[in-house]
Protein backbone atom coordinates (compact mmCIF):
# COMPACT_ATOMS: atom_id res chain seq x y z
CA UNK A 1 -21.57 -37.68 -8.41
CA UNK A 2 -22.78 -34.69 -6.39
CA UNK A 3 -21.76 -36.46 -3.19
CA UNK A 4 -18.21 -36.78 -4.52
CA UNK A 5 -18.14 -33.09 -5.46
CA UNK A 6 -19.40 -32.09 -2.01
CA UNK A 7 -16.76 -34.24 -0.33
CA UNK A 8 -13.96 -32.74 -2.44
CA UNK A 9 -15.14 -29.19 -1.69
CA UNK A 10 -15.29 -29.84 2.04
CA UNK A 11 -11.88 -31.50 2.09
CA UNK A 12 -10.36 -28.69 0.04
CA UNK A 13 -11.67 -26.06 2.46
CA UNK A 14 -10.51 -28.07 5.49
CA UNK A 15 -7.01 -28.32 4.01
CA UNK A 16 -6.60 -24.75 2.73
CA UNK A 17 -9.20 -22.55 4.51
CA UNK A 18 -10.07 -21.12 1.08
CA UNK A 19 -13.88 -20.94 0.78
CA UNK A 20 -15.57 -22.94 -1.96
CA UNK A 21 -19.06 -22.69 -3.43
CA UNK A 22 -20.48 -25.58 -5.49
CA UNK A 23 -23.11 -24.49 -7.98
CA UNK A 24 -25.65 -26.54 -9.87
CA UNK A 25 -27.23 -24.35 -12.47
CA UNK A 26 -28.24 -21.12 -10.75
CA UNK A 27 -28.29 -22.53 -7.23
CA UNK A 28 -25.55 -23.05 -4.66
CA UNK A 29 -25.78 -26.60 -3.36
CA UNK A 30 -22.84 -26.03 -1.01
CA UNK A 31 -20.75 -23.16 0.34
CA UNK A 32 -18.08 -23.26 3.03
CA UNK A 33 -19.82 -20.41 4.86
CA UNK A 34 -23.19 -22.18 4.94
CA UNK A 35 -21.48 -25.31 6.17
CA UNK A 36 -20.06 -23.39 9.16
CA UNK A 37 -23.18 -21.42 10.10
CA UNK A 38 -25.71 -24.15 9.33
CA UNK A 39 -27.72 -21.89 7.02
CA UNK A 40 -29.30 -23.09 3.78
CA UNK A 41 -27.62 -22.70 0.37
CA UNK A 42 -28.90 -19.76 -1.65
CA UNK A 43 -29.89 -18.72 -5.16
CA UNK A 44 -26.83 -17.74 -7.14
CA UNK A 45 -26.51 -14.42 -9.01
CA UNK A 46 -24.77 -14.98 -12.33
CA UNK A 47 -23.70 -11.33 -12.60
CA UNK A 48 -21.51 -11.55 -9.49
CA UNK A 49 -18.89 -13.92 -10.96
CA UNK A 50 -19.09 -14.00 -14.76
CA UNK A 51 -17.26 -16.75 -16.62
CA UNK A 52 -14.73 -15.90 -19.33
CA UNK A 53 -13.72 -18.03 -22.29
CA UNK A 54 -11.03 -19.69 -20.18
CA UNK A 55 -11.62 -22.54 -17.77
CA UNK A 56 -10.64 -22.00 -15.01
CA UNK A 57 -10.68 -18.21 -14.75
CA UNK A 58 -10.40 -15.26 -12.39
CA UNK A 59 -13.71 -13.49 -11.88
CA UNK A 60 -13.22 -10.68 -9.35
CA UNK A 61 -13.90 -6.96 -9.84
CA UNK A 62 -11.89 -5.85 -6.78
CA UNK A 63 -8.08 -5.46 -6.62
CA UNK A 64 -8.05 -6.66 -2.99
CA UNK A 65 -10.59 -9.52 -3.15
CA UNK A 66 -10.02 -12.48 -5.44
CA UNK A 67 -12.47 -15.02 -6.84
CA UNK A 68 -11.98 -17.82 -9.31
CA UNK A 69 -14.44 -19.94 -11.26
CA UNK A 70 -14.13 -23.49 -12.54
CA UNK A 71 -16.60 -25.28 -14.80
CA UNK A 72 -16.90 -29.01 -14.20
CA UNK A 73 -17.05 -30.05 -17.82
CA UNK A 74 -19.98 -32.05 -19.23
CA UNK A 75 -22.05 -31.38 -16.09
CA UNK A 76 -24.33 -28.67 -14.69
CA UNK A 77 -21.85 -28.01 -11.88
CA UNK A 78 -19.18 -25.38 -11.40
CA UNK A 79 -17.13 -24.00 -8.53
CA UNK A 80 -16.58 -20.51 -7.17
CA UNK A 81 -13.30 -20.31 -5.25
CA UNK A 82 -12.92 -17.44 -2.80
CA UNK A 83 -12.98 -14.86 -1.51
CA UNK A 84 -9.21 -14.66 -1.02
CA UNK A 85 -7.19 -11.59 -0.15
CA UNK A 86 -3.75 -10.27 -1.09
CA UNK A 87 -3.85 -7.71 1.75
CA UNK A 88 -4.70 -8.14 5.45
CA UNK A 89 -8.43 -8.31 6.08
CA UNK A 90 -9.89 -5.02 7.33
CA UNK A 91 -13.34 -3.98 8.54
CA UNK A 92 -13.87 -2.24 5.20
CA UNK A 93 -13.11 -5.45 3.27
CA UNK A 94 -15.43 -7.41 5.56
CA UNK A 95 -18.27 -4.95 4.92
CA UNK A 96 -17.69 -5.00 1.16
CA UNK A 97 -17.47 -8.80 0.97
CA UNK A 98 -20.51 -9.24 3.25
CA UNK A 99 -22.55 -6.89 1.10
CA UNK A 100 -21.54 -8.58 -2.16
CA UNK A 101 -22.20 -12.05 -0.74
CA UNK A 102 -25.55 -11.08 0.79
CA UNK A 103 -24.57 -12.05 4.34
CA UNK A 104 -27.23 -11.24 6.92
CA UNK A 105 -26.47 -9.19 10.02
CA UNK A 106 -26.89 -12.15 12.38
CA UNK A 107 -24.25 -14.10 10.44
CA UNK A 108 -21.85 -11.19 9.99
CA UNK A 109 -19.65 -12.10 12.96
CA UNK A 110 -19.22 -15.74 11.90
CA UNK A 111 -18.55 -14.60 8.34
CA UNK A 112 -15.83 -12.25 9.58
CA UNK A 113 -14.17 -15.14 11.46
CA UNK A 114 -14.15 -17.16 8.25
CA UNK A 115 -12.51 -14.29 6.36
CA UNK A 116 -9.82 -13.80 9.02
CA UNK A 117 -8.93 -17.50 8.72
CA UNK A 118 -8.28 -17.28 4.96
CA UNK A 119 -4.54 -17.26 4.16
CA UNK A 120 -3.16 -14.24 2.29
CA UNK A 121 -2.58 -15.21 -1.35
CA UNK A 122 -0.95 -13.52 -4.27
CA UNK A 123 -2.57 -13.83 -7.68
CA UNK A 124 0.00 -16.39 -8.85
CA UNK A 125 -0.60 -18.60 -5.80
CA UNK A 126 -4.35 -18.36 -6.30
CA UNK A 127 -3.93 -19.38 -9.94
CA UNK A 128 -2.09 -22.53 -8.83
CA UNK A 129 -5.04 -23.55 -6.65
CA UNK A 130 -7.43 -23.07 -9.58
CA UNK A 131 -5.38 -25.19 -11.99
CA UNK A 132 -5.00 -27.84 -9.27
CA UNK A 133 -8.79 -28.09 -8.88
CA UNK A 134 -9.17 -28.10 -12.67
CA UNK A 135 -6.94 -31.16 -12.80
CA UNK A 136 -8.85 -32.83 -9.93
CA UNK A 137 -12.32 -32.26 -11.39
CA UNK A 138 -11.70 -32.24 -15.16
CA UNK A 139 -8.52 -34.34 -15.35
CA UNK A 140 -6.87 -31.70 -17.52
CA UNK A 141 -3.59 -29.90 -17.04
CA UNK A 142 -3.20 -26.20 -17.86
CA UNK A 143 -0.47 -23.75 -16.90
CA UNK A 144 -1.18 -21.13 -14.26
CA UNK A 145 0.12 -18.47 -16.68
CA UNK A 146 -2.83 -19.17 -18.98
CA UNK A 147 -5.21 -17.59 -16.44
CA UNK A 148 -3.49 -14.24 -16.92
CA UNK A 149 -3.99 -14.21 -20.69
CA UNK A 150 -6.99 -12.92 -22.60
CA UNK A 151 -8.30 -14.24 -25.88
CA UNK A 152 -7.20 -12.75 -29.20
CA UNK A 153 -10.62 -11.23 -29.83
CA UNK A 154 -10.45 -9.03 -26.71
CA UNK A 155 -6.89 -7.99 -27.51
CA UNK A 156 -7.89 -7.00 -31.03
CA UNK A 157 -10.93 -5.06 -29.77
CA UNK A 158 -8.77 -3.13 -27.33
CA UNK A 159 -6.22 -2.32 -30.01
CA UNK A 160 -8.97 -1.09 -32.36
CA UNK A 161 -10.50 1.10 -29.63
CA UNK A 162 -7.11 2.59 -28.75
CA UNK A 163 -6.32 3.32 -32.40
CA UNK A 164 -9.71 5.00 -32.99
CA UNK A 165 -9.30 7.12 -29.84
CA UNK A 166 -5.78 8.20 -30.82
CA UNK A 167 -6.98 9.29 -34.26
CA UNK A 168 -9.89 11.22 -32.73
CA UNK A 169 -7.65 12.92 -30.14
CA UNK A 170 -5.15 13.89 -32.81
CA UNK A 171 -7.83 15.40 -35.04
CA UNK A 172 -9.33 17.39 -32.14
CA UNK A 173 -5.95 18.52 -30.81
CA UNK A 174 -6.32 16.60 -27.53
CA UNK A 175 -2.61 16.17 -26.86
CA UNK A 176 -0.76 15.99 -23.54
CA UNK A 177 1.61 18.81 -22.67
CA UNK A 178 2.63 17.75 -19.16
CA UNK A 179 5.91 15.96 -19.99
CA UNK A 180 8.37 18.86 -19.68
CA UNK A 181 6.35 20.34 -16.81
CA UNK A 182 6.73 17.06 -14.89
CA UNK A 183 10.43 16.74 -15.70
CA UNK A 184 11.06 20.15 -14.21
CA UNK A 185 8.77 19.51 -11.24
CA UNK A 186 10.41 16.25 -10.20
CA UNK A 187 13.89 17.67 -10.74
CA UNK A 188 13.07 20.44 -8.25
CA UNK A 189 11.85 17.82 -5.76
CA UNK A 190 15.03 15.82 -6.32
CA UNK A 191 17.10 18.94 -5.61
CA UNK A 192 15.19 19.47 -2.36
CA UNK A 193 14.59 23.19 -2.97
CA UNK A 194 11.22 23.97 -1.37
CA UNK A 195 11.36 27.70 -2.20
CA UNK A 196 11.90 26.91 -5.88
CA UNK A 197 9.06 24.39 -5.73
CA UNK A 198 6.62 26.93 -4.27
CA UNK A 199 7.50 29.44 -7.01
CA UNK A 200 7.17 26.76 -9.68
CA UNK A 201 3.74 25.64 -8.46
CA UNK A 202 2.43 29.22 -8.22
CA UNK A 203 3.80 30.36 -11.61
CA UNK A 204 1.37 31.29 -14.37
CA UNK A 205 1.64 28.98 -17.37
CA UNK A 206 -0.46 27.67 -20.23
CA UNK A 207 -3.22 25.28 -19.10
CA UNK A 208 -1.95 21.74 -18.76
CA UNK A 209 -3.70 19.15 -20.90
CA UNK A 210 -4.05 15.84 -19.10
CA UNK A 211 -5.54 12.56 -20.20
CA UNK A 212 -8.94 11.39 -19.04
CA UNK A 213 -8.35 8.84 -16.29
CA UNK A 214 -11.94 8.23 -15.16
CA UNK A 215 -15.53 9.08 -16.05
CA UNK A 216 -16.43 10.82 -12.79
CA UNK A 217 -14.55 14.09 -11.97
CA UNK A 218 -13.76 13.03 -8.38
CA UNK A 219 -12.38 9.66 -9.47
CA UNK A 220 -10.40 11.40 -12.21
CA UNK A 221 -8.84 13.76 -9.63
CA UNK A 222 -7.94 10.85 -7.36
CA UNK A 223 -6.34 8.91 -10.22
CA UNK A 224 -4.27 11.97 -11.16
CA UNK A 225 -3.17 12.31 -7.54
CA UNK A 226 -2.12 8.64 -7.41
CA UNK A 227 -0.08 9.11 -10.58
CA UNK A 228 1.52 12.27 -9.19
CA UNK A 229 2.47 10.83 -5.79
CA UNK A 230 4.04 7.72 -7.34
CA UNK A 231 6.12 9.82 -9.77
CA UNK A 232 7.05 12.34 -7.06
CA UNK A 233 8.39 9.50 -4.95
CA UNK A 234 10.14 7.47 -7.65
CA UNK A 235 11.38 10.32 -9.90
CA UNK A 236 11.94 12.95 -7.21
CA UNK A 237 12.35 11.77 -3.64
CA UNK A 238 14.32 8.53 -4.11
CA UNK A 239 16.84 10.00 -6.62
CA UNK A 240 17.08 12.94 -4.18
CA UNK A 241 18.34 10.61 -1.46
CA UNK A 242 15.18 9.83 0.55
CA UNK A 243 15.17 6.30 1.97
CA UNK A 244 13.50 3.92 -0.50
CA UNK A 245 11.31 2.10 2.04
CA UNK A 246 10.26 5.35 3.70
CA UNK A 247 9.32 6.78 0.28
CA UNK A 248 7.14 3.81 -0.58
CA UNK A 249 5.48 3.99 2.84
CA UNK A 250 4.71 7.68 2.27
CA UNK A 251 3.29 6.91 -1.16
CA UNK A 252 0.96 4.34 0.44
CA UNK A 253 -0.10 6.73 3.21
CA UNK A 254 -0.85 9.60 0.82
CA UNK A 255 -2.89 7.37 -1.49
CA UNK A 256 -4.91 6.08 1.46
CA UNK A 257 -5.55 9.65 2.64
CA UNK A 258 -6.55 10.75 -0.87
CA UNK A 259 -9.07 7.91 -1.15
CA UNK A 260 -10.88 9.23 1.93
CA UNK A 261 -11.38 12.71 0.47
CA UNK A 262 -14.70 13.75 -1.04
CA UNK A 263 -13.93 16.99 -2.88
CA UNK A 264 -11.56 17.90 -5.71
CA UNK A 265 -10.44 20.98 -3.77
CA UNK A 266 -9.24 18.83 -0.85
CA UNK A 267 -7.40 16.51 -3.25
CA UNK A 268 -5.61 19.47 -4.84
CA UNK A 269 -4.63 20.76 -1.40
CA UNK A 270 -3.28 17.36 -0.41
CA UNK A 271 -1.27 17.18 -3.64
CA UNK A 272 0.39 20.52 -2.87
CA UNK A 273 1.27 19.33 0.65
CA UNK A 274 2.54 16.00 -0.68
CA UNK A 275 4.89 17.61 -3.23
CA UNK A 276 6.34 19.95 -0.61
CA UNK A 277 6.76 17.06 1.82
CA UNK A 278 8.79 14.98 -0.65
CA UNK A 279 10.83 18.03 -1.64
CA UNK A 280 11.63 18.91 1.98
CA UNK A 281 12.65 15.33 2.76
CA UNK A 282 14.95 15.29 -0.25
CA UNK A 283 16.48 18.57 0.93
CA UNK A 284 17.09 17.13 4.38
CA UNK A 285 19.02 14.20 2.93
CA UNK A 286 21.50 16.37 1.01
CA UNK A 287 25.02 16.32 2.44
CA UNK A 288 25.59 19.63 4.27
CA UNK A 289 28.70 21.67 3.55
CA UNK A 290 31.72 20.52 5.52
CA UNK A 291 30.30 17.03 6.19
CA UNK A 292 32.14 14.05 4.71
CA UNK A 293 30.20 11.25 2.96
CA UNK A 294 31.19 8.79 5.71
CA UNK A 295 29.83 10.94 8.51
CA UNK A 296 26.68 11.78 6.58
CA UNK A 297 26.05 8.10 5.81
CA UNK A 298 26.40 7.38 9.50
CA UNK A 299 23.98 10.19 10.38
CA UNK A 300 21.42 8.84 7.88
CA UNK A 301 21.72 5.34 9.30
CA UNK A 302 21.05 6.59 12.82
CA UNK A 303 18.02 8.68 11.75
CA UNK A 304 16.51 5.68 9.94
CA UNK A 305 17.00 3.26 12.85
CA UNK A 306 15.80 5.18 15.90
CA UNK A 307 13.41 2.32 16.74
CA UNK A 308 16.34 -0.07 17.18
CA UNK A 309 18.98 -0.41 19.94
CA UNK A 310 21.68 1.39 17.91
CA UNK A 311 25.27 1.13 19.08
CA UNK A 312 28.22 3.27 17.96
CA UNK A 313 29.86 0.12 16.60
CA UNK A 314 26.79 -0.82 14.50
CA UNK A 315 26.47 2.68 13.04
CA UNK A 316 30.17 2.76 12.19
CA UNK A 317 30.05 -0.73 10.67
CA UNK A 318 27.32 0.47 8.30
CA UNK A 319 29.82 2.86 6.73
CA UNK A 320 32.54 0.23 6.51
CA UNK A 321 34.71 2.19 8.97
CA UNK A 322 35.93 1.32 12.44
CA UNK A 323 34.21 2.75 15.50
CA UNK A 324 37.31 4.73 16.52
CA UNK A 325 37.61 6.29 13.04
CA UNK A 326 33.93 7.32 12.95
CA UNK A 327 33.91 8.68 16.52
CA UNK A 328 36.94 10.88 15.74
CA UNK A 329 35.54 12.27 12.48
CA UNK A 330 31.99 12.58 13.85
CA UNK A 331 33.18 14.70 16.74
CA UNK A 332 35.51 16.71 14.52
CA UNK A 333 32.91 17.54 11.85
CA UNK A 334 29.74 17.93 13.94
CA UNK A 335 31.12 18.89 17.33
CA UNK A 336 29.07 16.18 19.02
CA UNK A 337 29.85 12.64 20.10
CA UNK A 338 28.19 9.77 18.16
CA UNK A 339 26.49 8.45 21.29
CA UNK A 340 25.01 11.87 22.00
CA UNK A 341 23.83 12.15 18.39
CA UNK A 342 22.09 8.77 18.61
CA UNK A 343 20.31 9.89 21.78
CA UNK A 344 19.35 13.24 20.21
CA UNK A 345 17.76 11.48 17.20
CA UNK A 346 15.77 9.18 19.47
CA UNK A 347 14.53 12.13 21.54
CA UNK A 348 13.58 14.09 18.41
CA UNK A 349 11.57 11.07 17.29
CA UNK A 350 9.97 10.97 20.74
CA UNK A 351 8.91 14.63 20.35
CA UNK A 352 7.21 13.79 17.07
CA UNK A 353 5.40 10.80 18.58
CA UNK A 354 4.27 12.84 21.59
CA UNK A 355 2.83 15.50 19.29
CA UNK A 356 1.34 13.51 16.45
CA UNK A 357 0.42 10.14 17.95
CA UNK A 358 -1.64 8.84 20.84
CA UNK A 359 1.01 6.34 21.97
CA UNK A 360 1.52 6.13 25.72
CA UNK A 361 4.86 6.95 27.34
CA UNK A 362 5.46 3.23 27.84
CA UNK A 363 4.79 2.53 24.17
CA UNK A 364 7.08 5.34 23.01
CA UNK A 365 9.82 4.26 25.39
CA UNK A 366 9.58 0.66 24.17
CA UNK A 367 9.39 1.66 20.49
CA UNK A 368 12.55 3.77 20.75
CA UNK A 369 14.34 1.00 22.70
CA UNK A 370 14.99 2.91 25.93
CA UNK A 371 15.99 0.62 28.79
CA UNK A 372 12.97 1.77 30.84
CA UNK A 373 10.20 4.33 30.83
CA UNK A 374 11.72 6.16 33.81
CA UNK A 375 15.06 6.44 32.00
CA UNK A 376 13.29 7.82 28.93
CA UNK A 377 11.49 10.43 31.04
CA UNK A 378 14.69 11.46 32.81
CA UNK A 379 16.79 11.97 29.66
CA UNK A 380 13.90 13.77 27.94
CA UNK A 381 13.52 16.26 30.80
CA UNK A 382 17.29 16.74 31.01
CA UNK A 383 17.43 17.55 27.29
CA UNK A 384 14.34 19.77 26.97
CA UNK A 385 13.60 21.01 30.48
CA UNK A 386 10.08 19.53 30.58
CA UNK A 387 8.72 16.03 31.09
CA UNK A 388 7.33 14.11 28.09
CA UNK A 389 3.75 14.62 29.35
CA UNK A 390 4.30 18.34 29.80
CA UNK A 391 5.72 18.54 26.28
CA UNK A 392 2.74 16.62 24.88
CA UNK A 393 0.30 18.96 26.62
CA UNK A 394 2.09 22.03 25.25
CA UNK A 395 2.35 20.82 21.66
CA UNK A 396 -1.14 19.30 21.54
CA UNK A 397 -2.51 22.62 22.75
CA UNK A 398 -0.70 24.52 20.00
CA UNK A 399 -1.77 22.07 17.30
CA UNK A 400 -5.40 22.40 18.35
């Protein structure tokens, strides 16, 4: 019987590259990693992957690393499936997974290679693999949706805890008063008025009462920041006209930066900067006086596609107008030809990359789709009077 289980585990890993561990009691009799490195199976820690009332079940405590567990019914055997990832594998994930799995330093490199070979899986896809193995080993069919459900007892316990906490908060006067504050805040961001935002944030008002979002103060501050940046983007920036994809990218970047901070003061500073950033971007997307919607839509398209080989025809087509129509109105309203505006936007992007990135001139030229590095350098110097390297040296010096 064990031989059959071992064979199925090995074949499953060979077909999917998803690691499998076969347990008998408290010991691992097989793992995909041990099979690759030639090391011996190890004692299994029950607390790492607890089993729920469901079979099979998810058993991971990390949002980025997934594990599943399957009991082979009427035997002493069960399977641990994973780790799997729903995000690209990073050095941080490798360190975390290595530490949790007890991987020695001499095997760390081989373990990392195994992790890089694992296909990215969403939770729903991972659930399908678990129910497939359940059918193979236990000859039973369950729906993948069942893995996402909890038993009635846990649901009832949660409801009781929430009810008790609500009663206690009400009796002690622990009520939130941030709703109207947030409505006004995100409306200001939507309007793109940075001066109004600064006055609003510095105004004296009654202390805001916020919910408890974590036990530790630092984690609580980070959770509040995550909530604020998501709402600032979705309720402020996007309705204010900021590009949807760019907004979501900024939300991701700010959350990642917040997670690296180690003091509440730094988190509060970052939140102030983040709110102003979204507000300023919303202000920049507002249609200026005297500019028609067609021309402004064309301008926005160009600014959002500087890393592509934009043509006048493509920019005009985005507005649903002909190239001749857009060129006439563009020149009439802005006093600049469309081709010159496209070049100006690319060069402005180049200035930003020269100042705030370490990309080489070749990389910047390629990214902005210039025909050659020498052409990029020539048009940059013609526009600004200095070469790209001279500009980088000047701006890097000021920023330092």
